[in-house]
């Protein structure tokens, strides 16, 4: 299950290595630069989603979504401050 950018980074790196591809080879197959792929494998949170999906496709990976049970939203740490200002 992918929950954050580091999970995506680890999945891409693992899949690339399992397929015996270098970063340069995968970057070429995905139509991205090697430096971009390095940033992806480092977990950079500001990469273009379409390129991430192109990289998944180049690795033969698919992405699916599943619904998880709803959780209670975290308490707003600033709520008391705003309430006091009213």
PDB file of N, CA and C in Angstrom:
ATOM      1  N   UNK A   1       0.843  -1.165   0.000  1.00  0.00           N
ATOM      2  CA  UNK A   1       0.000   0.000   0.000  1.00  0.00           C
ATOM      3  C   UNK A   1       0.899   1.241   0.000  1.00  0.00           C
ATOM      4  N   UNK A   2       0.598   2.159  -0.871  1.00  0.00           N
ATOM      5  CA  UNK A   2       1.357   3.406  -0.979  1.00  0.00           C
ATOM      6  C   UNK A   2       0.605   4.491  -0.221  1.00  0.00           C
ATOM      7  N   UNK A   3       1.251   5.033   0.802  1.00  0.00           N
ATOM      8  CA  UNK A   3       0.593   6.050   1.620  1.00  0.00           C
ATOM      9  C   UNK A   3       1.256   7.423   1.540  1.00  0.00           C
ATOM     10  N   UNK A   4       2.493   7.471   1.029  1.00  0.00           N
ATOM     11  CA  UNK A   4       3.193   8.751   0.971  1.00  0.00           C
ATOM     12  C   UNK A   4       4.248   8.698  -0.142  1.00  0.00           C
ATOM     13  N   UNK A   5       4.920   9.813  -0.344  1.00  0.00           N
ATOM     14  CA  UNK A   5       5.885   9.887  -1.441  1.00  0.00           C
ATOM     15  C   UNK A   5       7.063   8.945  -1.236  1.00  0.00           C
ATOM     16  N   UNK A   6       7.432   8.690   0.009  1.00  0.00           N
ATOM     17  CA  UNK A   6       8.542   7.762   0.247  1.00  0.00           C
ATOM     18  C   UNK A   6       8.148   6.336  -0.126  1.00  0.00           C
ATOM     19  N   UNK A   7       6.884   5.966   0.093  1.00  0.00           N
ATOM     20  CA  UNK A   7       6.402   4.647  -0.337  1.00  0.00           C
ATOM     21  C   UNK A   7       6.472   4.514  -1.853  1.00  0.00           C
ATOM     22  N   UNK A   8       6.094   5.574  -2.564  1.00  0.00           N
ATOM     23  CA  UNK A   8       6.172   5.564  -4.036  1.00  0.00           C
ATOM     24  C   UNK A   8       7.629   5.433  -4.458  1.00  0.00           C
ATOM     25  N   UNK A   9       8.502   6.199  -3.825  1.00  0.00           N
ATOM     26  CA  UNK A   9       9.932   6.154  -4.148  1.00  0.00           C
ATOM     27  C   UNK A   9      10.484   4.745  -3.982  1.00  0.00           C
ATOM     28  N   UNK A  10      10.166   4.115  -2.864  1.00  0.00           N
ATOM     29  CA  UNK A  10      10.661   2.761  -2.604  1.00  0.00           C
ATOM     30  C   UNK A  10      10.107   1.755  -3.602  1.00  0.00           C
ATOM     31  N   UNK A  11       8.832   1.897  -3.961  1.00  0.00           N
ATOM     32  CA  UNK A  11       8.220   0.970  -4.914  1.00  0.00           C
ATOM     33  C   UNK A  11       8.860   1.097  -6.294  1.00  0.00           C
ATOM     34  N   UNK A  12       9.105   2.318  -6.741  1.00  0.00           N
ATOM     35  CA  UNK A  12       9.726   2.541  -8.049  1.00  0.00           C
ATOM     36  C   UNK A  12      11.149   1.995  -8.051  1.00  0.00           C
ATOM     37  N   UNK A  13      11.920   2.311  -7.028  1.00  0.00           N
ATOM     38  CA  UNK A  13      13.300   1.837  -6.957  1.00  0.00           C
ATOM     39  C   UNK A  13      13.354   0.307  -6.952  1.00  0.00           C
ATOM     40  N   UNK A  14      12.507  -0.313  -6.146  1.00  0.00           N
ATOM     41  CA  UNK A  14      12.484  -1.775  -6.052  1.00  0.00           C
ATOM     42  C   UNK A  14      12.094  -2.405  -7.391  1.00  0.00           C
ATOM     43  N   UNK A  15      11.065  -1.873  -8.034  1.00  0.00           N
ATOM     44  CA  UNK A  15      10.633  -2.414  -9.322  1.00  0.00           C
ATOM     45  C   UNK A  15      11.715  -2.237 -10.383  1.00  0.00           C
ATOM     46  N   UNK A  16      12.378  -1.086 -10.383  1.00  0.00           N
ATOM     47  CA  UNK A  16      13.451  -0.836 -11.352  1.00  0.00           C
ATOM     48  C   UNK A  16      14.576  -1.845 -11.170  1.00  0.00           C
ATOM     49  N   UNK A  17      14.986  -2.050  -9.932  1.00  0.00           N
ATOM     50  CA  UNK A  17      16.081  -2.977  -9.660  1.00  0.00           C
ATOM     51  C   UNK A  17      15.688  -4.420  -9.969  1.00  0.00           C
ATOM     52  N   UNK A  18      14.448  -4.795  -9.674  1.00  0.00           N
ATOM     53  CA  UNK A  18      13.979  -6.150  -9.988  1.00  0.00           C
ATOM     54  C   UNK A  18      14.013  -6.421 -11.491  1.00  0.00           C
ATOM     55  N   UNK A  19      13.811  -5.368 -12.271  1.00  0.00           N
ATOM     56  CA  UNK A  19      13.809  -5.516 -13.729  1.00  0.00           C
ATOM     57  C   UNK A  19      15.203  -5.328 -14.323  1.00  0.00           C
ATOM     58  N   UNK A  20      16.186  -5.059 -13.475  1.00  0.00           N
ATOM     59  CA  UNK A  20      17.563  -4.918 -13.928  1.00  0.00           C
ATOM     60  C   UNK A  20      17.821  -3.672 -14.744  1.00  0.00           C
ATOM     61  N   UNK A  21      17.061  -2.615 -14.460  1.00  0.00           N
ATOM     62  CA  UNK A  21      17.204  -1.361 -15.203  1.00  0.00           C
ATOM     63  C   UNK A  21      18.034  -0.361 -14.416  1.00  0.00           C
ATOM     64  N   UNK A  22      18.834   0.408 -15.123  1.00  0.00           N
ATOM     65  CA  UNK A  22      19.506   1.539 -14.503  1.00  0.00           C
ATOM     66  C   UNK A  22      18.530   2.702 -14.459  1.00  0.00           C
ATOM     67  N   UNK A  23      18.882   3.714 -13.689  1.00  0.00           N
ATOM     68  CA  UNK A  23      18.036   4.909 -13.671  1.00  0.00           C
ATOM     69  C   UNK A  23      17.960   5.532 -15.059  1.00  0.00           C
ATOM     70  N   UNK A  24      19.069   5.549 -15.764  1.00  0.00           N
ATOM     71  CA  UNK A  24      19.088   6.138 -17.114  1.00  0.00           C
ATOM     72  C   UNK A  24      18.177   5.357 -18.063  1.00  0.00           C
ATOM     73  N   UNK A  25      18.206   4.036 -17.969  1.00  0.00           N
ATOM     74  CA  UNK A  25      17.360   3.224 -18.854  1.00  0.00           C
ATOM     75  C   UNK A  25      15.878   3.448 -18.556  1.00  0.00           C
ATOM     76  N   UNK A  26      15.522   3.452 -17.281  1.00  0.00           N
ATOM     77  CA  UNK A  26      14.123   3.681 -16.929  1.00  0.00           C
ATOM     78  C   UNK A  26      13.688   5.082 -17.314  1.00  0.00           C
ATOM     79  N   UNK A  27      14.538   6.062 -17.082  1.00  0.00           N
ATOM     80  CA  UNK A  27      14.200   7.431 -17.451  1.00  0.00           C
ATOM     81  C   UNK A  27      13.907   7.533 -18.948  1.00  0.00           C
ATOM     82  N   UNK A  28      14.711   6.880 -19.751  1.00  0.00           N
ATOM     83  CA  UNK A  28      14.487   6.909 -21.199  1.00  0.00           C
ATOM     84  C   UNK A  28      13.155   6.246 -21.548  1.00  0.00           C
ATOM     85  N   UNK A  29      12.871   5.099 -20.964  1.00  0.00           N
ATOM     86  CA  UNK A  29      11.607   4.401 -21.239  1.00  0.00           C
ATOM     87  C   UNK A  29      10.391   5.203 -20.805  1.00  0.00           C
ATOM     88  N   UNK A  30      10.535   5.943 -19.707  1.00  0.00           N
ATOM     89  CA  UNK A  30       9.415   6.717 -19.174  1.00  0.00           C
ATOM     90  C   UNK A  30       9.300   8.097 -19.806  1.00  0.00           C
ATOM     91  N   UNK A  31      10.313   8.501 -20.574  1.00  0.00           N
ATOM     92  CA  UNK A  31      10.278   9.813 -21.216  1.00  0.00           C
ATOM     93  C   UNK A  31      10.570  10.946 -20.254  1.00  0.00           C
ATOM     94  N   UNK A  32      11.400  10.663 -19.254  1.00  0.00           N
ATOM     95  CA  UNK A  32      11.788  11.693 -18.286  1.00  0.00           C
ATOM     96  C   UNK A  32      13.306  11.748 -18.229  1.00  0.00           C
ATOM     97  N   UNK A  33      13.827  12.784 -17.595  1.00  0.00           N
ATOM     98  CA  UNK A  33      15.269  12.886 -17.435  1.00  0.00           C
ATOM     99  C   UNK A  33      15.730  12.044 -16.248  1.00  0.00           C
ATOM    100  N   UNK A  34      16.986  11.646 -16.273  1.00  0.00           N
ATOM    101  CA  UNK A  34      17.524  10.848 -15.171  1.00  0.00           C
ATOM    102  C   UNK A  34      17.467  11.620 -13.862  1.00  0.00           C
ATOM    103  N   UNK A  35      17.744  12.937 -13.906  1.00  0.00           N
ATOM    104  CA  UNK A  35      17.695  13.731 -12.678  1.00  0.00           C
ATOM    105  C   UNK A  35      16.287  13.760 -12.090  1.00  0.00           C
ATOM    106  N   UNK A  36      15.259  13.769 -12.944  1.00  0.00           N
ATOM    107  CA  UNK A  36      13.878  13.724 -12.480  1.00  0.00           C
ATOM    108  C   UNK A  36      13.617  12.383 -11.792  1.00  0.00           C
ATOM    109  N   UNK A  37      14.094  11.305 -12.401  1.00  0.00           N
ATOM    110  CA  UNK A  37      13.902   9.971 -11.831  1.00  0.00           C
ATOM    111  C   UNK A  37      14.616   9.849 -10.480  1.00  0.00           C
ATOM    112  N   UNK A  38      15.784  10.433 -10.368  1.00  0.00           N
ATOM    113  CA  UNK A  38      16.496  10.428  -9.086  1.00  0.00           C
ATOM    114  C   UNK A  38      15.638  11.106  -8.025  1.00  0.00           C
ATOM    115  N   UNK A  39      15.042  12.246  -8.365  1.00  0.00           N
ATOM    116  CA  UNK A  39      14.175  12.949  -7.413  1.00  0.00           C
ATOM    117  C   UNK A  39      12.963  12.096  -7.032  1.00  0.00           C
ATOM    118  N   UNK A  40      12.408  11.368  -7.998  1.00  0.00           N
ATOM    119  CA  UNK A  40      11.287  10.465  -7.711  1.00  0.00           C
ATOM    120  C   UNK A  40      11.721   9.394  -6.715  1.00  0.00           C
ATOM    121  N   UNK A  41      12.878   8.785  -6.968  1.00  0.00           N
ATOM    122  CA  UNK A  41      13.366   7.724  -6.090  1.00  0.00           C
ATOM    123  C   UNK A  41      13.805   8.248  -4.720  1.00  0.00           C
ATOM    124  N   UNK A  42      13.960   9.550  -4.600  1.00  0.00           N
ATOM    125  CA  UNK A  42      14.285  10.162  -3.306  1.00  0.00           C
ATOM    126  C   UNK A  42      13.024  10.562  -2.541  1.00  0.00           C
ATOM    127  N   UNK A  43      11.863  10.422  -3.188  1.00  0.00           N
ATOM    128  CA  UNK A  43      10.608  10.746  -2.524  1.00  0.00           C
ATOM    129  C   UNK A  43      10.200  12.199  -2.605  1.00  0.00           C
ATOM    130  N   UNK A  44      10.713  12.920  -3.598  1.00  0.00           N
ATOM    131  CA  UNK A  44      10.360  14.331  -3.754  1.00  0.00           C
ATOM    132  C   UNK A  44       8.840  14.463  -3.895  1.00  0.00           C
ATOM    133  N   UNK A  45       8.193  15.277  -3.057  1.00  0.00           N
ATOM    134  CA  UNK A  45       6.734  15.382  -3.089  1.00  0.00           C
ATOM    135  C   UNK A  45       6.184  16.330  -4.155  1.00  0.00           C
ATOM    136  N   UNK A  46       7.041  16.965  -4.926  1.00  0.00           N
ATOM    137  CA  UNK A  46       6.567  17.979  -5.861  1.00  0.00           C
ATOM    138  C   UNK A  46       6.810  17.599  -7.324  1.00  0.00           C
ATOM    139  N   UNK A  47       6.601  16.353  -7.646  1.00  0.00           N
ATOM    140  CA  UNK A  47       6.806  15.908  -9.023  1.00  0.00           C
ATOM    141  C   UNK A  47       5.476  15.804  -9.753  1.00  0.00           C
ATOM    142  N   UNK A  48       5.538  15.981 -11.051  1.00  0.00           N
ATOM    143  CA  UNK A  48       4.338  15.965 -11.883  1.00  0.00           C
ATOM    144  C   UNK A  48       3.719  14.564 -11.908  1.00  0.00           C
ATOM    145  N   UNK A  49       2.446  14.492 -11.534  1.00  0.00           N
ATOM    146  CA  UNK A  49       1.760  13.206 -11.429  1.00  0.00           C
ATOM    147  C   UNK A  49       1.762  12.439 -12.746  1.00  0.00           C
ATOM    148  N   UNK A  50       1.576  13.113 -13.854  1.00  0.00           N
ATOM    149  CA  UNK A  50       1.531  12.402 -15.138  1.00  0.00           C
ATOM    150  C   UNK A  50       2.861  11.702 -15.426  1.00  0.00           C
ATOM    151  N   UNK A  51       3.959  12.310 -15.024  1.00  0.00           N
ATOM    152  CA  UNK A  51       5.265  11.676 -15.225  1.00  0.00           C
ATOM    153  C   UNK A  51       5.456  10.497 -14.274  1.00  0.00           C
ATOM    154  N   UNK A  52       4.932  10.615 -13.061  1.00  0.00           N
ATOM    155  CA  UNK A  52       4.988   9.491 -12.125  1.00  0.00           C
ATOM    156  C   UNK A  52       4.220   8.316 -12.722  1.00  0.00           C
ATOM    157  N   UNK A  53       3.037   8.587 -13.271  1.00  0.00           N
ATOM    158  CA  UNK A  53       2.238   7.524 -13.881  1.00  0.00           C
ATOM    159  C   UNK A  53       2.923   6.952 -15.119  1.00  0.00           C
ATOM    160  N   UNK A  54       3.600   7.787 -15.904  1.00  0.00           N
ATOM    161  CA  UNK A  54       4.370   7.297 -17.052  1.00  0.00           C
ATOM    162  C   UNK A  54       5.480   6.350 -16.585  1.00  0.00           C
ATOM    163  N   UNK A  55       6.101   6.680 -15.463  1.00  0.00           N
ATOM    164  CA  UNK A  55       7.155   5.828 -14.903  1.00  0.00           C
ATOM    165  C   UNK A  55       6.564   4.494 -14.455  1.00  0.00           C
ATOM    166  N   UNK A  56       5.397   4.531 -13.815  1.00  0.00           N
ATOM    167  CA  UNK A  56       4.725   3.281 -13.437  1.00  0.00           C
ATOM    168  C   UNK A  56       4.477   2.424 -14.672  1.00  0.00           C
ATOM    169  N   UNK A  57       3.976   3.043 -15.727  1.00  0.00           N
ATOM    170  CA  UNK A  57       3.686   2.311 -16.959  1.00  0.00           C
ATOM    171  C   UNK A  57       4.957   1.697 -17.536  1.00  0.00           C
ATOM    172  N   UNK A  58       6.041   2.446 -17.549  1.00  0.00           N
ATOM    173  CA  UNK A  58       7.312   1.947 -18.074  1.00  0.00           C
ATOM    174  C   UNK A  58       7.820   0.754 -17.273  1.00  0.00           C
ATOM    175  N   UNK A  59       7.439   0.679 -16.004  1.00  0.00           N
ATOM    176  CA  UNK A  59       7.844  -0.440 -15.158  1.00  0.00           C
ATOM    177  C   UNK A  59       6.830  -1.585 -15.169  1.00  0.00           C
ATOM    178  N   UNK A  60       5.710  -1.378 -15.858  1.00  0.00           N
ATOM    179  CA  UNK A  60       4.669  -2.399 -15.862  1.00  0.00           C
ATOM    180  C   UNK A  60       3.873  -2.424 -14.572  1.00  0.00           C
ATOM    181  N   UNK A  61       3.854  -1.307 -13.861  1.00  0.00           N
ATOM    182  CA  UNK A  61       3.101  -1.207 -12.614  1.00  0.00           C
ATOM    183  C   UNK A  61       1.751  -0.564 -12.889  1.00  0.00           C
ATOM    184  N   UNK A  62       0.776  -0.907 -12.084  1.00  0.00           N
ATOM    185  CA  UNK A  62      -0.522  -0.247 -12.189  1.00  0.00           C
ATOM    186  C   UNK A  62      -0.860   0.348 -10.828  1.00  0.00           C
ATOM    187  N   UNK A  63      -1.748   1.277 -10.839  1.00  0.00           N
ATOM    188  CA  UNK A  63      -2.138   1.967  -9.622  1.00  0.00           C
ATOM    189  C   UNK A  63      -3.632   1.779  -9.448  1.00  0.00           C
ATOM    190  N   UNK A  64      -4.040   1.326  -8.283  1.00  0.00           N
ATOM    191  CA  UNK A  64      -5.466   1.199  -7.998  1.00  0.00           C
ATOM    192  C   UNK A  64      -5.748   1.866  -6.666  1.00  0.00           C
ATOM    193  N   UNK A  65      -6.978   2.270  -6.486  1.00  0.00           N
ATOM    194  CA  UNK A  65      -7.388   2.947  -5.261  1.00  0.00           C
ATOM    195  C   UNK A  65      -8.376   2.073  -4.519  1.00  0.00           C
ATOM    196  N   UNK A  66      -8.297   2.134  -3.214  1.00  0.00           N
ATOM    197  CA  UNK A  66      -9.281   1.443  -2.402  1.00  0.00           C
ATOM    198  C   UNK A  66      -9.727   2.371  -1.293  1.00  0.00           C
ATOM    199  N   UNK A  67     -10.930   2.199  -0.882  1.00  0.00           N
ATOM    200  CA  UNK A  67     -11.483   3.019   0.185  1.00  0.00           C
ATOM    201  C   UNK A  67     -11.077   2.433   1.524  1.00  0.00           C
ATOM    202  N   UNK A  68     -10.615   3.293   2.389  1.00  0.00           N
ATOM    203  CA  UNK A  68     -10.281   2.867   3.739  1.00  0.00           C
ATOM    204  C   UNK A  68     -11.319   3.447   4.683  1.00  0.00           C
ATOM    205  N   UNK A  69     -11.500   2.821   5.824  1.00  0.00           N
ATOM    206  CA  UNK A  69     -12.500   3.345   6.761  1.00  0.00           C
ATOM    207  C   UNK A  69     -12.182   4.787   7.139  1.00  0.00           C
ATOM    208  N   UNK A  70     -13.223   5.572   7.259  1.00  0.00           N
ATOM    209  CA  UNK A  70     -13.054   6.976   7.642  1.00  0.00           C
ATOM    210  C   UNK A  70     -12.559   7.051   9.075  1.00  0.00           C
ATOM    211  N   UNK A  71     -11.693   7.991   9.301  1.00  0.00           N
ATOM    212  CA  UNK A  71     -11.196   8.215  10.653  1.00  0.00           C
ATOM    213  C   UNK A  71     -11.664   9.585  11.119  1.00  0.00           C
ATOM    214  N   UNK A  72     -11.683   9.746  12.396  1.00  0.00           N
ATOM    215  CA  UNK A  72     -12.061  11.038  12.953  1.00  0.00           C
ATOM    216  C   UNK A  72     -10.997  12.063  12.585  1.00  0.00           C
ATOM    217  N   UNK A  73     -11.392  13.235  12.131  1.00  0.00           N
ATOM    218  CA  UNK A  73     -10.385  14.254  11.826  1.00  0.00           C
ATOM    219  C   UNK A  73      -9.622  14.633  13.088  1.00  0.00           C
ATOM    220  N   UNK A  74      -8.373  14.937  12.912  1.00  0.00           N
ATOM    221  CA  UNK A  74      -7.535  15.343  14.044  1.00  0.00           C
ATOM    222  C   UNK A  74      -8.065  16.656  14.608  1.00  0.00           C
ATOM    223  N   UNK A  75      -7.968  16.776  15.890  1.00  0.00           N
ATOM    224  CA  UNK A  75      -8.414  18.015  16.540  1.00  0.00           C
ATOM    225  C   UNK A  75      -7.583  19.183  16.013  1.00  0.00           C
ATOM    226  N   UNK A  76      -8.243  20.275  15.761  1.00  0.00           N
ATOM    227  CA  UNK A  76      -7.574  21.472  15.262  1.00  0.00           C
ATOM    228  C   UNK A  76      -6.816  22.122  16.421  1.00  0.00           C
ATOM    229  N   UNK A  77      -5.485  22.167  16.338  1.00  0.00           N
ATOM    230  CA  UNK A  77      -4.720  22.730  17.448  1.00  0.00           C
ATOM    231  C   UNK A  77      -4.944  24.233  17.634  1.00  0.00           C
ATOM    232  N   UNK A  78      -5.510  24.883  16.637  1.00  0.00           N
ATOM    233  CA  UNK A  78      -5.719  26.320  16.727  1.00  0.00           C
ATOM    234  C   UNK A  78      -7.164  26.682  17.082  1.00  0.00           C
ATOM    235  N   UNK A  79      -8.026  25.690  17.212  1.00  0.00           N
ATOM    236  CA  UNK A  79      -9.433  25.966  17.477  1.00  0.00           C
ATOM    237  C   UNK A  79      -9.619  26.789  18.746  1.00  0.00           C
ATOM    238  N   UNK A  80      -8.920  26.429  19.805  1.00  0.00           N
ATOM    239  CA  UNK A  80      -9.073  27.161  21.072  1.00  0.00           C
ATOM    240  C   UNK A  80      -8.612  28.604  20.922  1.00  0.00           C
ATOM    241  N   UNK A  81      -7.561  28.821  20.147  1.00  0.00           N
ATOM    242  CA  UNK A  81      -7.062  30.178  19.934  1.00  0.00           C
ATOM    243  C   UNK A  81      -8.103  31.016  19.200  1.00  0.00           C
ATOM    244  N   UNK A  82      -8.668  30.453  18.125  1.00  0.00           N
ATOM    245  CA  UNK A  82      -9.680  31.197  17.373  1.00  0.00           C
ATOM    246  C   UNK A  82     -10.942  31.427  18.187  1.00  0.00           C
ATOM    247  N   UNK A  83     -11.302  30.437  19.006  1.00  0.00           N
ATOM    248  CA  UNK A  83     -12.477  30.578  19.862  1.00  0.00           C
ATOM    249  C   UNK A  83     -12.256  31.707  20.859  1.00  0.00           C
ATOM    250  N   UNK A  84     -11.052  31.824  21.396  1.00  0.00           N
ATOM    251  CA  UNK A  84     -10.750  32.884  22.377  1.00  0.00           C
ATOM    252  C   UNK A  84     -10.784  34.261  21.752  1.00  0.00           C
ATOM    253  N   UNK A  85     -10.541  34.345  20.437  1.00  0.00           N
ATOM    254  CA  UNK A  85     -10.550  35.648  19.754  1.00  0.00           C
ATOM    255  C   UNK A  85     -11.942  36.139  19.440  1.00  0.00           C
ATOM    256  N   UNK A  86     -12.931  35.314  19.578  1.00  0.00           N
ATOM    257  CA  UNK A  86     -14.314  35.703  19.239  1.00  0.00           C
ATOM    258  C   UNK A  86     -14.922  36.558  20.281  1.00  0.00           C
TER     259      UNK A  86
END
